[in-house]
Amino acid sequence: MPIQVRVVRNDFAKIAGELRPKVTKAVRATALEISAEAKQRAPVLTGNLRRSIYTRHRSETASRVGVGAEYGPHVEYGTTRMAPRPYLTPAVEAARHRFAQRVAKVFE
């Protein structure tokens, strides 16, 4: 005899609606942390690289941390004439665990 399940009440939309603002908060807080940490880690000669680091919240669940200085990637990854001086990647790595904790807390 097959098992039949009938959903009498479906609160999935309500639950998803309650989770979205919490996830948004976790994403945005982490992006701002990454930006702040990258600014601290960026090598400073004139301060232009540090000042060019920015955060843009692209949607409720997506933020971007970027570098406006066109030479930013050369500093991060190095060139044939210059050793790499990472500042953005270590900032992301430092925030990875905290982001996972924030998201886990949303689902507690």
C-alpha atoms as a PDB file:
ATOM      1  CA  MET A   1       0.000   0.000   0.000  1.00  0.00           C
ATOM      2  CA  PRO A   2       1.586   3.347  -1.060  1.00  0.00           C
ATOM      3  CA  ILE A   3       2.079   6.077   1.494  1.00  0.00           C
ATOM      4  CA  GLN A   4       0.220   9.285   0.806  1.00  0.00           C
ATOM      5  CA  VAL A   5       1.097  12.657   2.280  1.00  0.00           C
ATOM      6  CA  ARG A   6      -1.189  15.632   2.132  1.00  0.00           C
ATOM      7  CA  VAL A   7       0.127  19.083   3.009  1.00  0.00           C
ATOM      8  CA  VAL A   8      -2.547  20.893   4.925  1.00  0.00           C
ATOM      9  CA  ARG A   9      -0.494  23.939   5.734  1.00  0.00           C
ATOM     10  CA  ASN A  10       2.494  25.291   3.846  1.00  0.00           C
ATOM     11  CA  ASP A  11       4.567  27.922   5.653  1.00  0.00           C
ATOM     12  CA  PHE A  12       7.603  27.714   3.378  1.00  0.00           C
ATOM     13  CA  ALA A  13       7.030  31.163   1.869  1.00  0.00           C
ATOM     14  CA  LYS A  14       6.625  32.705   5.314  1.00  0.00           C
ATOM     15  CA  ILE A  15       9.753  30.975   6.623  1.00  0.00           C
ATOM     16  CA  ALA A  16      11.779  32.048   3.579  1.00  0.00           C
ATOM     17  CA  GLY A  17      10.547  35.609   4.034  1.00  0.00           C
ATOM     18  CA  GLU A  18      11.706  35.596   7.649  1.00  0.00           C
ATOM     19  CA  LEU A  19      15.133  34.195   6.751  1.00  0.00           C
ATOM     20  CA  ARG A  20      15.927  36.610   3.905  1.00  0.00           C
ATOM     21  CA  PRO A  21      16.580  39.731   6.066  1.00  0.00           C
ATOM     22  CA  LYS A  22      18.823  37.707   8.365  1.00  0.00           C
ATOM     23  CA  VAL A  23      20.843  36.325   5.456  1.00  0.00           C
ATOM     24  CA  THR A  24      21.040  39.831   3.959  1.00  0.00           C
ATOM     25  CA  LYS A  25      22.438  41.134   7.232  1.00  0.00           C
ATOM     26  CA  ALA A  26      25.055  38.343   7.340  1.00  0.00           C
ATOM     27  CA  VAL A  27      26.152  38.949   3.735  1.00  0.00           C
ATOM     28  CA  ARG A  28      26.433  42.711   4.146  1.00  0.00           C
ATOM     29  CA  ALA A  29      28.217  42.571   7.508  1.00  0.00           C
ATOM     30  CA  THR A  30      30.766  40.144   6.095  1.00  0.00           C
ATOM     31  CA  ALA A  31      31.370  42.289   3.000  1.00  0.00           C
ATOM     32  CA  LEU A  32      31.993  45.340   5.174  1.00  0.00           C
ATOM     33  CA  GLU A  33      34.399  43.331   7.351  1.00  0.00           C
ATOM     34  CA  ILE A  34      36.306  42.157   4.285  1.00  0.00           C
ATOM     35  CA  SER A  35      36.551  45.719   2.992  1.00  0.00           C
ATOM     36  CA  ALA A  36      37.804  47.048   6.341  1.00  0.00           C
ATOM     37  CA  GLU A  37      40.350  44.260   6.719  1.00  0.00           C
ATOM     38  CA  ALA A  38      41.602  44.664   3.139  1.00  0.00           C
ATOM     39  CA  LYS A  39      42.108  48.390   3.769  1.00  0.00           C
ATOM     40  CA  GLN A  40      44.184  47.603   6.853  1.00  0.00           C
ATOM     41  CA  ARG A  41      46.257  45.024   4.995  1.00  0.00           C
ATOM     42  CA  ALA A  42      46.823  47.058   1.818  1.00  0.00           C
ATOM     43  CA  PRO A  43      50.361  48.387   1.468  1.00  0.00           C
ATOM     44  CA  VAL A  44      50.471  52.151   1.671  1.00  0.00           C
ATOM     45  CA  LEU A  45      52.700  54.404  -0.399  1.00  0.00           C
ATOM     46  CA  THR A  46      50.302  57.204  -1.292  1.00  0.00           C
ATOM     47  CA  GLY A  47      47.123  55.734   0.249  1.00  0.00           C
ATOM     48  CA  ASN A  48      45.398  55.549  -3.135  1.00  0.00           C
ATOM     49  CA  LEU A  49      45.107  51.751  -3.104  1.00  0.00           C
ATOM     50  CA  ARG A  50      43.619  51.740   0.384  1.00  0.00           C
ATOM     51  CA  ARG A  51      41.143  54.505  -0.463  1.00  0.00           C
ATOM     52  CA  SER A  52      40.057  52.719  -3.642  1.00  0.00           C
ATOM     53  CA  ILE A  53      38.770  49.604  -1.828  1.00  0.00           C
ATOM     54  CA  TYR A  54      34.980  49.658  -1.867  1.00  0.00           C
ATOM     55  CA  THR A  55      31.883  47.630  -1.002  1.00  0.00           C
ATOM     56  CA  ARG A  56      28.747  47.488  -3.160  1.00  0.00           C
ATOM     57  CA  HIS A  57      25.628  45.664  -2.075  1.00  0.00           C
ATOM     58  CA  ARG A  58      24.347  44.244  -5.358  1.00  0.00           C
ATOM     59  CA  SER A  59      21.220  42.524  -4.025  1.00  0.00           C
ATOM     60  CA  GLU A  60      19.830  41.176  -0.783  1.00  0.00           C
ATOM     61  CA  THR A  61      22.146  38.189  -0.936  1.00  0.00           C
ATOM     62  CA  ALA A  62      25.144  39.471  -2.899  1.00  0.00           C
ATOM     63  CA  SER A  63      27.764  42.087  -2.098  1.00  0.00           C
ATOM     64  CA  ARG A  64      30.978  42.926  -3.900  1.00  0.00           C
ATOM     65  CA  VAL A  65      34.246  44.114  -2.401  1.00  0.00           C
ATOM     66  CA  GLY A  66      36.446  45.585  -5.090  1.00  0.00           C
ATOM     67  CA  VAL A  67      39.484  47.716  -5.743  1.00  0.00           C
ATOM     68  CA  GLY A  68      39.258  50.793  -7.917  1.00  0.00           C
ATOM     69  CA  ALA A  69      42.982  51.361  -8.346  1.00  0.00           C
ATOM     70  CA  GLU A  70      43.927  49.789 -11.660  1.00  0.00           C
ATOM     71  CA  TYR A  71      47.179  48.476 -10.181  1.00  0.00           C
ATOM     72  CA  GLY A  72      45.353  46.691  -7.329  1.00  0.00           C
ATOM     73  CA  PRO A  73      45.603  43.228  -8.929  1.00  0.00           C
ATOM     74  CA  HIS A  74      49.329  43.742  -9.577  1.00  0.00           C
ATOM     75  CA  VAL A  75      49.901  44.418  -5.889  1.00  0.00           C
ATOM     76  CA  GLU A  76      47.705  41.448  -4.859  1.00  0.00           C
ATOM     77  CA  TYR A  77      49.204  38.895  -7.245  1.00  0.00           C
ATOM     78  CA  GLY A  78      52.591  40.404  -8.120  1.00  0.00           C
ATOM     79  CA  THR A  79      54.220  40.866 -11.489  1.00  0.00           C
ATOM     80  CA  THR A  80      57.403  39.640 -13.138  1.00  0.00           C
ATOM     81  CA  ARG A  81      59.151  42.570 -11.434  1.00  0.00           C
ATOM     82  CA  MET A  82      57.345  42.680  -8.114  1.00  0.00           C
ATOM     83  CA  ALA A  83      56.504  40.047  -5.524  1.00  0.00           C
ATOM     84  CA  PRO A  84      52.844  39.703  -4.562  1.00  0.00           C
ATOM     85  CA  ARG A  85      51.630  41.607  -1.516  1.00  0.00           C
ATOM     86  CA  PRO A  86      48.196  40.070  -0.901  1.00  0.00           C
ATOM     87  CA  TYR A  87      45.700  42.197   0.984  1.00  0.00           C
ATOM     88  CA  LEU A  88      42.270  41.231  -0.405  1.00  0.00           C
ATOM     89  CA  THR A  89      42.579  37.433  -0.436  1.00  0.00           C
ATOM     90  CA  PRO A  90      43.727  37.253   3.211  1.00  0.00           C
ATOM     91  CA  ALA A  91      40.831  39.529   4.171  1.00  0.00           C
ATOM     92  CA  VAL A  92      38.377  37.156   2.488  1.00  0.00           C
ATOM     93  CA  GLU A  93      39.993  34.132   4.127  1.00  0.00           C
ATOM     94  CA  ALA A  94      39.818  35.808   7.551  1.00  0.00           C
ATOM     95  CA  ALA A  95      36.083  36.475   7.125  1.00  0.00           C
ATOM     96  CA  ARG A  96      35.151  33.059   5.715  1.00  0.00           C
ATOM     97  CA  HIS A  97      34.678  31.376   9.107  1.00  0.00           C
ATOM     98  CA  ARG A  98      32.715  34.291  10.586  1.00  0.00           C
ATOM     99  CA  PHE A  99      30.388  34.279   7.578  1.00  0.00           C
ATOM    100  CA  ALA A 100      29.732  30.561   7.996  1.00  0.00           C
ATOM    101  CA  GLN A 101      28.947  31.155  11.669  1.00  0.00           C
ATOM    102  CA  ARG A 102      26.538  33.980  10.846  1.00  0.00           C
ATOM    103  CA  VAL A 103      24.668  31.903   8.282  1.00  0.00           C
ATOM    104  CA  ALA A 104      24.522  28.907  10.628  1.00  0.00           C
ATOM    105  CA  LYS A 105      23.011  31.166  13.287  1.00  0.00           C
ATOM    106  CA  VAL A 106      20.240  32.174  10.868  1.00  0.00           C
ATOM    107  CA  PHE A 107      19.104  28.557  10.690  1.00  0.00           C
ATOM    108  CA  GLU A 108      19.220  27.836  14.424  1.00  0.00           C
END
